[in-house]
Amino acid sequence: MNDKITLKDCPFCGSDKISLCQWADTENPNTTWIECTNCGISQDSFHHEDAEDVKGIAIMMWNTRVVESVCSCCDERNYKN
């Protein structure tokens, strides 16, 4: 995986204080999640045998944003970044 991790700002508070976290428990190695250290929101944790794969999954899920609105006249979708 790329050494530079790019995470979008928090979708709830807009903070850029985002952390990639990993569980240190030997029974659950490679368990990863992302959380905002400003407001405390976090995503569900992901587990995979390959640590790099699970980081990629967590980052992809954090950076995915849903459609905020659809214009009624032209169907243009506006996404919250």
C-alpha atoms as a PDB file:
ATOM      1  CA  MET A   1       0.000   0.000   0.000  1.00  0.00           C
ATOM      2  CA  ASN A   2       1.076   3.566  -0.566  1.00  0.00           C
ATOM      3  CA  ASP A   3       3.045   5.078   2.356  1.00  0.00           C
ATOM      4  CA  LYS A   4       1.051   8.312   2.159  1.00  0.00           C
ATOM      5  CA  ILE A   5      -2.420   7.833   3.597  1.00  0.00           C
ATOM      6  CA  THR A   6      -5.017  10.355   2.492  1.00  0.00           C
ATOM      7  CA  LEU A   7      -8.132  10.504   4.653  1.00  0.00           C
ATOM      8  CA  LYS A   8     -11.038  12.857   4.076  1.00  0.00           C
ATOM      9  CA  ASP A   9     -12.079  15.230   6.849  1.00  0.00           C
ATOM     10  CA  CYS A  10     -14.719  14.053   9.311  1.00  0.00           C
ATOM     11  CA  PRO A  11     -18.156  13.996   7.637  1.00  0.00           C
ATOM     12  CA  PHE A  12     -19.785  15.045  10.924  1.00  0.00           C
ATOM     13  CA  CYS A  13     -17.670  17.872  12.361  1.00  0.00           C
ATOM     14  CA  GLY A  14     -15.366  18.683   9.400  1.00  0.00           C
ATOM     15  CA  SER A  15     -12.165  18.201  11.409  1.00  0.00           C
ATOM     16  CA  ASP A  16      -8.966  16.992   9.772  1.00  0.00           C
ATOM     17  CA  LYS A  17      -7.882  15.273  13.016  1.00  0.00           C
ATOM     18  CA  ILE A  18      -8.462  11.754  11.710  1.00  0.00           C
ATOM     19  CA  SER A  19      -6.623   8.666  12.978  1.00  0.00           C
ATOM     20  CA  LEU A  20      -6.095   5.234  11.474  1.00  0.00           C
ATOM     21  CA  CYS A  21      -6.308   2.881  14.471  1.00  0.00           C
ATOM     22  CA  GLN A  22      -5.323  -0.761  14.905  1.00  0.00           C
ATOM     23  CA  TRP A  23      -6.270  -3.154  17.662  1.00  0.00           C
ATOM     24  CA  ALA A  24      -3.208  -4.378  19.574  1.00  0.00           C
ATOM     25  CA  ASP A  25      -4.893  -7.524  20.908  1.00  0.00           C
ATOM     26  CA  THR A  26      -3.161 -10.769  19.901  1.00  0.00           C
ATOM     27  CA  GLU A  27      -6.541 -12.507  19.562  1.00  0.00           C
ATOM     28  CA  ASN A  28      -7.730  -9.912  17.016  1.00  0.00           C
ATOM     29  CA  PRO A  29      -4.660  -8.868  15.032  1.00  0.00           C
ATOM     30  CA  ASN A  30      -5.160  -6.719  11.960  1.00  0.00           C
ATOM     31  CA  THR A  31      -8.381  -5.174  13.245  1.00  0.00           C
ATOM     32  CA  THR A  32      -8.474  -1.608  11.943  1.00  0.00           C
ATOM     33  CA  TRP A  33     -10.828   1.362  12.076  1.00  0.00           C
ATOM     34  CA  ILE A  34     -10.727   5.112  11.520  1.00  0.00           C
ATOM     35  CA  GLU A  35     -11.898   7.716  13.994  1.00  0.00           C
ATOM     36  CA  CYS A  36     -12.113  11.465  14.357  1.00  0.00           C
ATOM     37  CA  THR A  37     -10.146  12.590  17.404  1.00  0.00           C
ATOM     38  CA  ASN A  38     -12.087  15.874  17.464  1.00  0.00           C
ATOM     39  CA  CYS A  39     -15.686  14.630  17.826  1.00  0.00           C
ATOM     40  CA  GLY A  40     -14.994  10.958  18.602  1.00  0.00           C
ATOM     41  CA  ILE A  41     -17.011   9.424  15.769  1.00  0.00           C
ATOM     42  CA  SER A  42     -15.576   6.211  14.361  1.00  0.00           C
ATOM     43  CA  GLN A  43     -16.425   3.658  11.748  1.00  0.00           C
ATOM     44  CA  ASP A  44     -17.004  -0.031  12.396  1.00  0.00           C
ATOM     45  CA  SER A  45     -13.779  -1.994  12.702  1.00  0.00           C
ATOM     46  CA  PHE A  46     -12.551  -4.226   9.879  1.00  0.00           C
ATOM     47  CA  HIS A  47     -10.599  -7.458  10.246  1.00  0.00           C
ATOM     48  CA  HIS A  48      -8.571  -9.271   7.615  1.00  0.00           C
ATOM     49  CA  GLU A  49      -5.604 -11.616   7.722  1.00  0.00           C
ATOM     50  CA  ASP A  50      -3.530  -9.168   5.673  1.00  0.00           C
ATOM     51  CA  ALA A  51      -2.832  -5.950   7.607  1.00  0.00           C
ATOM     52  CA  GLU A  52      -2.332  -3.875   4.452  1.00  0.00           C
ATOM     53  CA  ASP A  53      -5.601  -5.102   2.926  1.00  0.00           C
ATOM     54  CA  VAL A  54      -7.590  -4.184   6.018  1.00  0.00           C
ATOM     55  CA  LYS A  55      -6.041  -0.691   6.127  1.00  0.00           C
ATOM     56  CA  GLY A  56      -7.054  -0.173   2.506  1.00  0.00           C
ATOM     57  CA  ILE A  57     -10.609  -1.314   3.224  1.00  0.00           C
ATOM     58  CA  ALA A  58     -10.927   0.991   6.236  1.00  0.00           C
ATOM     59  CA  ILE A  59      -9.572   3.971   4.262  1.00  0.00           C
ATOM     60  CA  MET A  60     -11.834   3.293   1.287  1.00  0.00           C
ATOM     61  CA  MET A  61     -14.901   3.048   3.538  1.00  0.00           C
ATOM     62  CA  TRP A  62     -14.002   6.235   5.484  1.00  0.00           C
ATOM     63  CA  ASN A  63     -13.427   8.206   2.301  1.00  0.00           C
ATOM     64  CA  THR A  64     -16.727   7.067   0.732  1.00  0.00           C
ATOM     65  CA  ARG A  65     -19.437   9.709   1.006  1.00  0.00           C
ATOM     66  CA  VAL A  66     -23.127   9.345   0.294  1.00  0.00           C
ATOM     67  CA  VAL A  67     -25.194  11.586  -1.954  1.00  0.00           C
ATOM     68  CA  GLU A  68     -26.274  14.633  -0.006  1.00  0.00           C
ATOM     69  CA  SER A  69     -28.930  15.879  -2.415  1.00  0.00           C
ATOM     70  CA  VAL A  70     -30.215  15.538  -5.972  1.00  0.00           C
ATOM     71  CA  CYS A  71     -31.334  18.591  -7.938  1.00  0.00           C
ATOM     72  CA  SER A  72     -35.002  18.172  -8.922  1.00  0.00           C
ATOM     73  CA  CYS A  73     -34.620  20.041 -12.220  1.00  0.00           C
ATOM     74  CA  CYS A  74     -31.506  18.369 -13.665  1.00  0.00           C
ATOM     75  CA  ASP A  75     -30.837  15.292 -11.467  1.00  0.00           C
ATOM     76  CA  GLU A  76     -27.335  16.611 -10.686  1.00  0.00           C
ATOM     77  CA  ARG A  77     -25.971  14.937  -7.586  1.00  0.00           C
ATOM     78  CA  ASN A  78     -24.256  17.060  -4.956  1.00  0.00           C
ATOM     79  CA  TYR A  79     -21.841  15.202  -2.733  1.00  0.00           C
ATOM     80  CA  LYS A  80     -20.660  16.232   0.678  1.00  0.00           C
ATOM     81  CA  ASN A  81     -16.853  16.138   0.730  1.00  0.00           C
END
